[in-house]
Amino acid sequence: MGETPDHSSQSAVKNSRTAGFAIIGATYLVASLIGITIFLARPDVPLFPRLLFIDVVCTVFVFAVGVLFGNASVYDPYWSVAPILLATGVAAWVAHVSVGSWLLLIVIWIWGIRLTANWAFTFRNLNSEDWRYRGLRTQFPRAFQLVSLAGIHLFPTLVVFVCLMPALDFMWNAQGTTSWWVLPGLVIGLVGIGLELVADLQMQRFRAASTGGIIRVGLWRHARHPNYLGEILMWWGVYLFVLPMLPNDWLLGLGALANTAMFLFISIPMADRRNRARFAGFDDYVAQTSSLWPLPRRSSRNLEA
């Protein structure tokens, strides 16, 4: 028997790239309105708990939309969209936006726009879901939604929130303070963004060429995950930007540390296991490259150009 009209309509929507963009855009617009409403309704609640509550509520809303459409990748843009909105909201709320706050905002906006643009470029439709999520669906068929809420949605939201806390704290508590000591952090953050941009462009060109196999060109010639290195450097840069102005708040570096640990102990091992199963010769590639740093090893001369 064929599909019922309702199922046929839903299938057509999920297969449409335009419809997918529209649904995800509407989802994030509604989530933003929810966040603004909560923020304005509870001015008595301290800043960090209020923003964290907003972040969690919006994450749960995005999760619910993903459940409705059977695709956890509805959450994928959240990683880069939420920090822009949170940081901009705090900057708009304070009495004075300092030069340092403007610089932080610019870095966060550049990072977020670039990462969101990369997501948009690779987005196909609502039938396309991240390979890691599909693996979890297979591994936890009955408990997938619980795993998705906790591991795919809330865990990354919390990691990114603690990464963003130094910037939020700076904008809120050091509104008129800036010095030349912020420059090293600014440079590190921008270098991280540049690494991500170059690595993603090289990967996109490699995939467009449809040669298959392991990418061994550009930054990927000497490192398996240069894009992850860029993400790590971005958030260490934000922390090091803020630290000279708020030296007593050194614990805010736990966000960048947690982000680094997530890539080192979760993302990189998962990606390497997948590539080992997909590509012959991947173990040789591992022996000839580092996980993150795109610097040649002695054995790298054996790599193909």
Protein backbone atom coordinates (compact mmCIF):
# COMPACT_ATOMS: atom_id res chain seq x y z
CA MET A 1 0.00 0.00 0.00
CA GLY A 2 1.16 3.57 -0.61
CA GLU A 3 1.69 6.26 1.96
CA THR A 4 -1.33 7.93 3.53
CA PRO A 5 -1.81 11.59 2.54
CA ASP A 6 -0.51 12.79 5.94
CA HIS A 7 2.60 10.63 5.72
CA SER A 8 3.12 11.64 2.10
CA SER A 9 2.90 15.35 3.03
CA GLN A 10 5.31 14.94 5.91
CA SER A 11 7.71 13.01 3.69
CA ALA A 12 7.59 15.77 1.08
CA VAL A 13 8.32 18.40 3.74
CA LYS A 14 11.21 16.41 5.16
CA ASN A 15 12.68 15.88 1.70
CA SER A 16 12.56 19.59 0.87
CA ARG A 17 15.68 21.61 1.69
CA THR A 18 13.67 24.85 1.57
CA ALA A 19 11.02 23.50 3.93
CA GLY A 20 13.73 22.24 6.26
CA PHE A 21 15.34 25.68 6.43
CA ALA A 22 11.93 27.28 7.05
CA ILE A 23 11.06 24.87 9.88
CA ILE A 24 14.43 25.22 11.58
CA GLY A 25 14.36 29.01 11.16
CA ALA A 26 10.88 29.20 12.68
CA THR A 27 12.00 26.91 15.51
CA TYR A 28 14.89 29.17 16.44
CA LEU A 29 12.76 32.31 16.13
CA VAL A 30 10.20 30.89 18.58
CA ALA A 31 13.00 29.71 20.89
CA SER A 32 14.46 33.24 20.85
CA LEU A 33 11.09 34.75 21.74
CA ILE A 34 10.74 32.26 24.60
CA GLY A 35 14.16 33.27 25.87
CA ILE A 36 13.44 37.01 25.70
CA THR A 37 10.12 36.53 27.49
CA ILE A 38 11.75 34.60 30.34
CA PHE A 39 14.61 37.10 30.64
CA LEU A 40 12.27 40.09 30.92
CA ALA A 41 9.81 38.31 33.20
CA ARG A 42 12.35 37.52 35.94
CA PRO A 43 14.67 40.52 36.44
CA ASP A 44 15.02 39.49 40.11
CA VAL A 45 16.96 36.32 39.22
CA PRO A 46 20.79 36.70 39.02
CA LEU A 47 22.20 36.88 35.50
CA PHE A 48 23.95 33.51 35.14
CA PRO A 49 21.15 31.34 36.59
CA ARG A 50 18.60 33.25 34.51
CA LEU A 51 20.56 32.82 31.26
CA LEU A 52 21.29 29.16 32.02
CA PHE A 53 17.60 28.49 32.64
CA ILE A 54 16.74 30.22 29.35
CA ASP A 55 19.40 28.18 27.54
CA VAL A 56 18.04 24.91 28.92
CA VAL A 57 14.38 25.77 28.20
CA CYS A 58 15.21 26.74 24.61
CA THR A 59 17.25 23.56 24.18
CA VAL A 60 14.31 21.45 25.35
CA PHE A 61 12.03 23.28 22.92
CA VAL A 62 14.42 22.58 20.01
CA PHE A 63 14.64 18.95 21.17
CA ALA A 64 10.83 18.70 21.07
CA VAL A 65 10.73 19.97 17.49
CA GLY A 66 13.40 17.41 16.59
CA VAL A 67 11.27 14.65 18.11
CA LEU A 68 8.26 15.88 16.12
CA PHE A 69 10.18 15.60 12.85
CA GLY A 70 12.19 12.53 13.85
CA ASN A 71 15.52 14.32 13.41
CA ALA A 72 17.86 15.29 16.24
CA SER A 73 19.92 17.40 13.82
CA VAL A 74 17.36 20.20 14.24
CA TYR A 75 19.65 21.02 17.17
CA ASP A 76 22.83 21.32 15.06
CA PRO A 77 22.72 25.14 14.53
CA TYR A 78 22.06 25.71 18.23
CA TRP A 79 25.76 25.33 19.00
CA SER A 80 26.58 28.49 17.04
CA VAL A 81 23.33 30.49 17.25
CA ALA A 82 22.76 30.49 21.03
CA PRO A 83 26.08 32.15 22.00
CA ILE A 84 25.43 35.01 19.58
CA LEU A 85 21.98 35.65 21.04
CA LEU A 86 23.07 35.32 24.67
CA ALA A 87 26.13 37.55 24.32
CA THR A 88 24.27 40.17 22.29
CA GLY A 89 21.41 40.15 24.79
CA VAL A 90 23.73 40.81 27.72
CA ALA A 91 25.59 43.55 25.84
CA ALA A 92 22.28 45.21 25.01
CA TRP A 93 21.17 45.07 28.65
CA VAL A 94 24.21 46.65 30.33
CA ALA A 95 24.53 50.37 30.88
CA HIS A 96 27.77 50.76 28.91
CA VAL A 97 29.32 48.58 26.20
CA SER A 98 33.09 48.94 26.42
CA VAL A 99 35.62 48.53 23.62
CA GLY A 100 36.47 45.13 25.08
CA SER A 101 32.83 44.06 25.01
CA TRP A 102 32.53 45.16 21.38
CA LEU A 103 35.65 43.17 20.48
CA LEU A 104 34.28 40.08 22.21
CA LEU A 105 30.95 40.48 20.47
CA ILE A 106 32.63 40.80 17.09
CA VAL A 107 34.67 37.63 17.66
CA ILE A 108 31.59 35.69 18.81
CA TRP A 109 29.54 36.95 15.86
CA ILE A 110 32.26 36.06 13.34
CA TRP A 111 32.63 32.61 14.90
CA GLY A 112 28.87 32.02 15.04
CA ILE A 113 28.09 33.28 11.54
CA ARG A 114 30.90 31.21 10.02
CA LEU A 115 29.86 28.04 11.83
CA THR A 116 26.18 28.55 11.04
CA ALA A 117 27.00 29.21 7.39
CA ASN A 118 28.96 25.97 7.25
CA TRP A 119 25.97 24.13 8.72
CA ALA A 120 23.64 25.77 6.16
CA PHE A 121 25.95 24.85 3.29
CA THR A 122 26.01 21.19 4.29
CA PHE A 123 22.32 20.96 5.30
CA ARG A 124 20.32 18.79 2.88
CA ASN A 125 16.88 18.30 4.43
CA LEU A 126 15.11 16.99 7.51
CA ASN A 127 15.69 13.41 6.41
CA SER A 128 19.44 13.94 6.81
CA GLU A 129 20.69 13.35 10.34
CA ASP A 130 24.21 13.49 11.79
CA TRP A 131 25.94 10.09 11.58
CA ARG A 132 26.60 10.12 15.33
CA TYR A 133 22.90 10.49 16.05
CA ARG A 134 22.02 7.67 13.68
CA GLY A 135 24.55 5.50 15.47
CA LEU A 136 22.92 6.26 18.81
CA ARG A 137 19.48 5.45 17.37
CA THR A 138 20.82 2.02 16.43
CA GLN A 139 22.65 1.53 19.70
CA PHE A 140 19.78 2.69 21.94
CA PRO A 141 16.56 2.03 19.98
CA ARG A 142 14.25 2.24 23.00
CA ALA A 143 16.05 4.88 25.01
CA PHE A 144 17.16 7.08 22.12
CA GLN A 145 15.04 10.11 23.04
CA LEU A 146 16.42 10.13 26.58
CA VAL A 147 19.96 9.73 25.25
CA SER A 148 19.25 12.47 22.71
CA LEU A 149 17.93 14.92 25.29
CA ALA A 150 20.79 14.34 27.71
CA GLY A 151 23.74 13.67 25.39
CA ILE A 152 22.96 15.33 22.05
CA HIS A 153 21.13 18.40 23.36
CA LEU A 154 21.67 19.32 27.02
CA PHE A 155 25.31 18.26 27.34
CA PRO A 156 26.57 20.41 24.42
CA THR A 157 24.34 23.29 25.56
CA LEU A 158 25.96 23.22 29.01
CA VAL A 159 29.48 22.96 27.56
CA VAL A 160 28.96 25.94 25.27
CA PHE A 161 27.31 27.92 28.08
CA VAL A 162 30.29 27.49 30.39
CA CYS A 163 32.59 28.37 27.46
CA LEU A 164 30.60 31.58 26.99
CA MET A 165 30.53 32.51 30.68
CA PRO A 166 33.83 34.46 30.60
CA ALA A 167 32.44 36.71 27.85
CA LEU A 168 29.13 37.18 29.66
CA ASP A 169 30.92 37.92 32.93
CA PHE A 170 33.18 40.45 31.22
CA MET A 171 30.28 42.28 29.59
CA TRP A 172 28.34 42.37 32.85
CA ASN A 173 31.09 43.14 35.40
CA ALA A 174 33.87 44.88 33.46
CA GLN A 175 31.77 47.19 31.34
CA GLY A 176 34.26 50.06 31.18
CA THR A 177 37.52 48.14 31.46
CA THR A 178 39.84 47.21 28.60
CA SER A 179 43.61 46.97 28.23
CA TRP A 180 46.22 45.80 25.74
CA TRP A 181 46.44 42.53 27.66
CA VAL A 182 43.28 41.34 25.91
CA LEU A 183 45.12 41.14 22.58
CA PRO A 184 46.67 37.66 23.01
CA GLY A 185 43.25 36.16 23.67
CA LEU A 186 41.78 38.08 20.76
CA VAL A 187 44.48 36.78 18.41
CA ILE A 188 44.09 33.17 19.61
CA GLY A 189 40.32 33.33 19.12
CA LEU A 190 40.66 34.74 15.61
CA VAL A 191 43.32 32.18 14.70
CA GLY A 192 40.91 29.46 15.86
CA ILE A 193 38.14 30.85 13.66
CA GLY A 194 40.53 31.04 10.72
CA LEU A 195 41.61 27.43 11.20
CA GLU A 196 37.99 26.28 11.23
CA LEU A 197 37.22 28.28 8.10
CA VAL A 198 40.18 26.94 6.13
CA ALA A 199 39.66 23.35 7.30
CA ASP A 200 35.95 23.40 6.42
CA LEU A 201 36.57 24.93 2.98
CA GLN A 202 39.22 22.32 2.22
CA MET A 203 36.88 19.53 3.31
CA GLN A 204 34.05 20.91 1.18
CA ARG A 205 36.28 21.11 -1.90
CA PHE A 206 37.51 17.57 -1.27
CA ARG A 207 33.96 16.23 -1.01
CA ALA A 208 32.84 18.16 -4.08
CA ALA A 209 35.61 16.52 -6.09
CA SER A 210 34.02 13.14 -5.23
CA THR A 211 37.38 11.34 -5.11
CA GLY A 212 36.43 9.50 -1.90
CA GLY A 213 38.95 8.13 0.54
CA ILE A 214 40.79 10.02 3.25
CA ILE A 215 41.40 13.73 2.85
CA ARG A 216 45.16 14.34 2.74
CA VAL A 217 45.40 17.90 1.51
CA GLY A 218 45.92 21.26 3.19
CA LEU A 219 45.57 21.29 6.96
CA TRP A 220 44.24 17.73 6.79
CA ARG A 221 47.55 16.49 5.41
CA HIS A 222 49.16 16.57 8.85
CA ALA A 223 46.14 16.61 11.21
CA ARG A 224 42.97 14.53 11.31
CA HIS A 225 40.80 17.16 13.01
CA PRO A 226 42.13 20.69 12.37
CA ASN A 227 38.56 22.04 12.54
CA TYR A 228 38.31 20.77 16.13
CA LEU A 229 41.57 22.53 16.95
CA GLY A 230 40.04 25.77 15.71
CA GLU A 231 37.00 25.31 17.95
CA ILE A 232 39.23 24.61 20.95
CA LEU A 233 41.39 27.68 20.29
CA MET A 234 38.34 29.90 19.86
CA TRP A 235 37.09 29.31 23.40
CA TRP A 236 40.55 29.42 25.00
CA GLY A 237 40.94 32.76 23.23
CA VAL A 238 37.71 34.07 24.76
CA TYR A 239 38.86 32.98 28.23
CA LEU A 240 42.36 34.49 27.83
CA PHE A 241 40.77 37.70 26.55
CA VAL A 242 38.79 38.06 29.76
CA LEU A 243 41.32 36.78 32.31
CA PRO A 244 43.53 39.94 32.51
CA MET A 245 40.47 42.06 33.28
CA LEU A 246 38.89 39.63 35.76
CA PRO A 247 41.87 37.71 37.21
CA ASN A 248 39.93 36.55 40.27
CA ASP A 249 37.49 34.71 38.00
CA TRP A 250 40.08 32.21 36.77
CA LEU A 251 37.64 29.33 37.36
CA LEU A 252 35.77 30.52 34.27
CA GLY A 253 38.48 28.70 32.33
CA LEU A 254 36.71 25.44 33.21
CA GLY A 255 34.47 26.05 30.20
CA ALA A 256 37.33 26.02 27.71
CA LEU A 257 38.79 23.03 29.55
CA ALA A 258 35.49 21.12 29.35
CA ASN A 259 35.23 21.93 25.65
CA THR A 260 38.75 20.64 25.05
CA ALA A 261 38.02 17.45 27.00
CA MET A 262 34.82 16.88 24.99
CA PHE A 263 36.77 16.92 21.73
CA LEU A 264 39.70 14.89 23.03
CA PHE A 265 37.72 12.15 24.76
CA ILE A 266 34.41 12.03 22.85
CA SER A 267 34.40 13.67 19.41
CA ILE A 268 37.86 12.64 18.18
CA PRO A 269 37.66 8.97 19.30
CA MET A 270 34.17 8.65 17.74
CA ALA A 271 35.31 10.14 14.44
CA ASP A 272 38.46 8.02 14.33
CA ARG A 273 36.52 4.81 15.02
CA ARG A 274 34.10 5.63 12.22
CA ASN A 275 36.86 6.45 9.74
CA ARG A 276 38.80 3.32 10.67
CA ALA A 277 35.76 1.26 9.71
CA ARG A 278 35.18 3.21 6.49
CA PHE A 279 38.66 3.64 5.02
CA ALA A 280 41.41 1.14 4.31
CA GLY A 281 44.77 2.50 5.39
CA PHE A 282 43.33 4.72 8.08
CA ASP A 283 45.72 3.30 10.71
CA ASP A 284 48.64 4.41 8.53
CA TYR A 285 47.09 7.86 8.31
CA VAL A 286 46.80 7.94 12.12
CA ALA A 287 50.47 6.98 12.46
CA GLN A 288 51.50 9.78 10.10
CA THR A 289 49.36 12.57 11.58
CA SER A 290 48.41 14.17 14.87
CA SER A 291 44.85 14.45 16.08
CA LEU A 292 44.80 18.24 16.14
CA TRP A 293 48.02 20.06 15.27
CA PRO A 294 48.54 20.48 11.49
CA LEU A 295 52.33 20.17 11.76
CA PRO A 296 54.35 17.61 9.76
CA ARG A 297 55.82 14.53 11.37
CA ARG A 298 58.86 12.75 10.04
CA SER A 299 56.72 10.03 8.52
CA SER A 300 54.45 12.58 6.84
CA ARG A 301 56.76 12.68 3.81
CA ASN A 302 55.21 9.34 2.88
CA LEU A 303 51.80 10.94 2.44
CA GLU A 304 50.45 11.52 -1.02
CA ALA A 305 50.28 15.12 -2.17
